[in-house]
Amino acid sequence: SQYNDQYYIVFENYDENTLYLKPQKHSAMRDYEYTKLSGGEPMFFENCYRDEDLARGVSRPIKQAHLDSTYPVFSDEIKHSLGNVDNACCQVYPGVIVDDHDKYHEGY
């Protein structure tokens, strides 16, 4: 269908291994939902269920694309495939995913 050419599907399937992101506190304070970001450090995201997953010994895989609520967090590879996305309604900004063991995954 035409929608496959117009939209990027972040997840085809949602399951117990899906990693749901939230901004770390210092990134959330930047009002990124409503404010265009410029310069400075990237946005930092972490697993919404980090504490629960650590307690259960669960590790969710970090993939090329994730969601922070309704905001996509995707790899540089996907960014390059999309081309120039700079417009008044959408911004692509650098991000880092911090896994449950505090390892930084850059290139988002």
C-alpha atoms as a PDB file:
ATOM      1  CA  SER A   1       0.000   0.000   0.000  1.00  0.00           C
ATOM      2  CA  GLN A   2       0.997   3.636  -0.289  1.00  0.00           C
ATOM      3  CA  TYR A   3       1.382   3.877   3.491  1.00  0.00           C
ATOM      4  CA  ASN A   4       4.388   1.556   3.406  1.00  0.00           C
ATOM      5  CA  ASP A   5       6.149   4.197   1.317  1.00  0.00           C
ATOM      6  CA  GLN A   6       5.084   7.117   3.535  1.00  0.00           C
ATOM      7  CA  TYR A   7       5.507   5.802   7.072  1.00  0.00           C
ATOM      8  CA  TYR A   8       8.267   4.082   8.998  1.00  0.00           C
ATOM      9  CA  ILE A   9       6.994   1.264  11.205  1.00  0.00           C
ATOM     10  CA  VAL A  10       9.120   1.239  14.358  1.00  0.00           C
ATOM     11  CA  PHE A  11       7.896  -2.167  15.564  1.00  0.00           C
ATOM     12  CA  GLU A  12       6.073  -4.826  13.593  1.00  0.00           C
ATOM     13  CA  ASN A  13       5.410  -6.766  16.793  1.00  0.00           C
ATOM     14  CA  TYR A  14       5.255  -5.757  20.430  1.00  0.00           C
ATOM     15  CA  ASP A  15       6.138  -8.431  22.972  1.00  0.00           C
ATOM     16  CA  GLU A  16       7.730  -8.948  26.387  1.00  0.00           C
ATOM     17  CA  ASN A  17      11.165  -8.222  24.898  1.00  0.00           C
ATOM     18  CA  THR A  18      10.240  -4.810  23.486  1.00  0.00           C
ATOM     19  CA  LEU A  19      12.399  -2.061  24.982  1.00  0.00           C
ATOM     20  CA  TYR A  20      10.358   1.001  25.924  1.00  0.00           C
ATOM     21  CA  LEU A  21      12.412   4.126  26.495  1.00  0.00           C
ATOM     22  CA  LYS A  22      12.076   7.166  28.719  1.00  0.00           C
ATOM     23  CA  PRO A  23      14.408  10.150  28.906  1.00  0.00           C
ATOM     24  CA  GLN A  24      16.825  10.263  31.801  1.00  0.00           C
ATOM     25  CA  LYS A  25      15.947  13.021  34.262  1.00  0.00           C
ATOM     26  CA  HIS A  26      18.513  15.565  32.999  1.00  0.00           C
ATOM     27  CA  SER A  27      17.296  15.071  29.417  1.00  0.00           C
ATOM     28  CA  ALA A  28      13.606  15.216  30.331  1.00  0.00           C
ATOM     29  CA  MET A  29      14.172  18.669  31.851  1.00  0.00           C
ATOM     30  CA  ARG A  30      14.971  19.992  28.364  1.00  0.00           C
ATOM     31  CA  ASP A  31      11.276  20.085  27.292  1.00  0.00           C
ATOM     32  CA  TYR A  32      12.188  18.255  24.100  1.00  0.00           C
ATOM     33  CA  GLU A  33       8.537  17.481  23.340  1.00  0.00           C
ATOM     34  CA  TYR A  34       7.771  21.151  22.703  1.00  0.00           C
ATOM     35  CA  THR A  35      11.118  22.878  22.173  1.00  0.00           C
ATOM     36  CA  LYS A  36      13.531  22.617  19.264  1.00  0.00           C
ATOM     37  CA  LEU A  37      16.856  21.454  20.677  1.00  0.00           C
ATOM     38  CA  SER A  38      20.164  22.919  19.570  1.00  0.00           C
ATOM     39  CA  GLY A  39      23.802  22.248  20.368  1.00  0.00           C
ATOM     40  CA  GLY A  40      24.810  20.872  23.706  1.00  0.00           C
ATOM     41  CA  GLU A  41      24.700  17.248  24.707  1.00  0.00           C
ATOM     42  CA  PRO A  42      22.547  14.536  23.114  1.00  0.00           C
ATOM     43  CA  MET A  43      19.321  13.272  24.646  1.00  0.00           C
ATOM     44  CA  PHE A  44      19.832  10.309  26.991  1.00  0.00           C
ATOM     45  CA  PHE A  45      17.237   7.527  27.192  1.00  0.00           C
ATOM     46  CA  GLU A  46      16.860   4.462  29.390  1.00  0.00           C
ATOM     47  CA  ASN A  47      14.593   1.448  29.809  1.00  0.00           C
ATOM     48  CA  CYS A  48      11.233   2.448  31.334  1.00  0.00           C
ATOM     49  CA  TYR A  49      11.189  -0.879  33.173  1.00  0.00           C
ATOM     50  CA  ARG A  50      14.840  -0.889  34.249  1.00  0.00           C
ATOM     51  CA  ASP A  51      14.273  -1.577  37.969  1.00  0.00           C
ATOM     52  CA  GLU A  52      11.701  -4.308  37.324  1.00  0.00           C
ATOM     53  CA  ASP A  53      13.855  -5.923  34.631  1.00  0.00           C
ATOM     54  CA  LEU A  54      16.974  -5.911  36.814  1.00  0.00           C
ATOM     55  CA  ALA A  55      15.019  -7.487  39.693  1.00  0.00           C
ATOM     56  CA  ARG A  56      13.730 -10.230  37.357  1.00  0.00           C
ATOM     57  CA  GLY A  57      17.051 -10.707  35.548  1.00  0.00           C
ATOM     58  CA  VAL A  58      15.487  -9.667  32.232  1.00  0.00           C
ATOM     59  CA  SER A  59      17.504  -7.945  29.519  1.00  0.00           C
ATOM     60  CA  ARG A  60      15.656  -6.332  26.610  1.00  0.00           C
ATOM     61  CA  PRO A  61      17.586  -6.047  23.330  1.00  0.00           C
ATOM     62  CA  ILE A  62      18.635  -2.666  21.971  1.00  0.00           C
ATOM     63  CA  LYS A  63      17.644  -2.480  18.321  1.00  0.00           C
ATOM     64  CA  GLN A  64      17.885   0.083  15.529  1.00  0.00           C
ATOM     65  CA  ALA A  65      14.601   1.777  16.439  1.00  0.00           C
ATOM     66  CA  HIS A  66      12.648   2.353  19.653  1.00  0.00           C
ATOM     67  CA  LEU A  67       9.960   4.637  21.006  1.00  0.00           C
ATOM     68  CA  ASP A  68       9.952   7.138  23.830  1.00  0.00           C
ATOM     69  CA  SER A  69       6.175   7.391  24.205  1.00  0.00           C
ATOM     70  CA  THR A  70       5.293   8.498  20.666  1.00  0.00           C
ATOM     71  CA  TYR A  71       8.727   9.869  19.760  1.00  0.00           C
ATOM     72  CA  PRO A  72      10.962   7.620  17.652  1.00  0.00           C
ATOM     73  CA  VAL A  73      14.553   7.022  18.719  1.00  0.00           C
ATOM     74  CA  PHE A  74      16.393   5.493  15.779  1.00  0.00           C
ATOM     75  CA  SER A  75      19.926   4.680  14.698  1.00  0.00           C
ATOM     76  CA  ASP A  76      22.140   6.863  12.543  1.00  0.00           C
ATOM     77  CA  GLU A  77      21.790   4.214   9.827  1.00  0.00           C
ATOM     78  CA  ILE A  78      18.030   4.812   9.685  1.00  0.00           C
ATOM     79  CA  LYS A  79      18.593   8.571   9.856  1.00  0.00           C
ATOM     80  CA  HIS A  80      20.838   8.452   6.789  1.00  0.00           C
ATOM     81  CA  SER A  81      18.297   6.349   4.893  1.00  0.00           C
ATOM     82  CA  LEU A  82      15.587   8.955   5.592  1.00  0.00           C
ATOM     83  CA  GLY A  83      17.613  11.827   4.164  1.00  0.00           C
ATOM     84  CA  ASN A  84      17.074  15.428   5.286  1.00  0.00           C
ATOM     85  CA  VAL A  85      14.245  15.604   7.846  1.00  0.00           C
ATOM     86  CA  ASP A  86      14.846  19.192   8.987  1.00  0.00           C
ATOM     87  CA  ASN A  87      11.548  21.101   8.923  1.00  0.00           C
ATOM     88  CA  ALA A  88       9.349  23.199  11.209  1.00  0.00           C
ATOM     89  CA  CYS A  89       7.407  20.194  12.561  1.00  0.00           C
ATOM     90  CA  CYS A  90      10.091  17.552  13.024  1.00  0.00           C
ATOM     91  CA  GLN A  91      13.649  17.477  14.294  1.00  0.00           C
ATOM     92  CA  VAL A  92      16.265  14.738  14.264  1.00  0.00           C
ATOM     93  CA  TYR A  93      18.558  15.163  17.266  1.00  0.00           C
ATOM     94  CA  PRO A  94      21.412  12.972  18.595  1.00  0.00           C
ATOM     95  CA  GLY A  95      20.534  10.455  21.263  1.00  0.00           C
ATOM     96  CA  VAL A  96      22.215   7.894  23.503  1.00  0.00           C
ATOM     97  CA  ILE A  97      20.547   4.800  24.932  1.00  0.00           C
ATOM     98  CA  VAL A  98      21.882   3.846  28.371  1.00  0.00           C
ATOM     99  CA  ASP A  99      21.310   0.145  28.988  1.00  0.00           C
ATOM    100  CA  ASP A 100      20.389  -1.460  32.308  1.00  0.00           C
ATOM    101  CA  HIS A 101      24.083  -1.867  33.189  1.00  0.00           C
ATOM    102  CA  ASP A 102      24.929   1.804  32.463  1.00  0.00           C
ATOM    103  CA  LYS A 103      26.633   1.081  29.131  1.00  0.00           C
ATOM    104  CA  TYR A 104      26.195   3.900  26.614  1.00  0.00           C
ATOM    105  CA  HIS A 105      24.922   3.030  23.137  1.00  0.00           C
ATOM    106  CA  GLU A 106      25.633   6.020  20.926  1.00  0.00           C
ATOM    107  CA  GLY A 107      24.676   6.612  17.326  1.00  0.00           C
ATOM    108  CA  TYR A 108      20.973   7.312  17.766  1.00  0.00           C
END
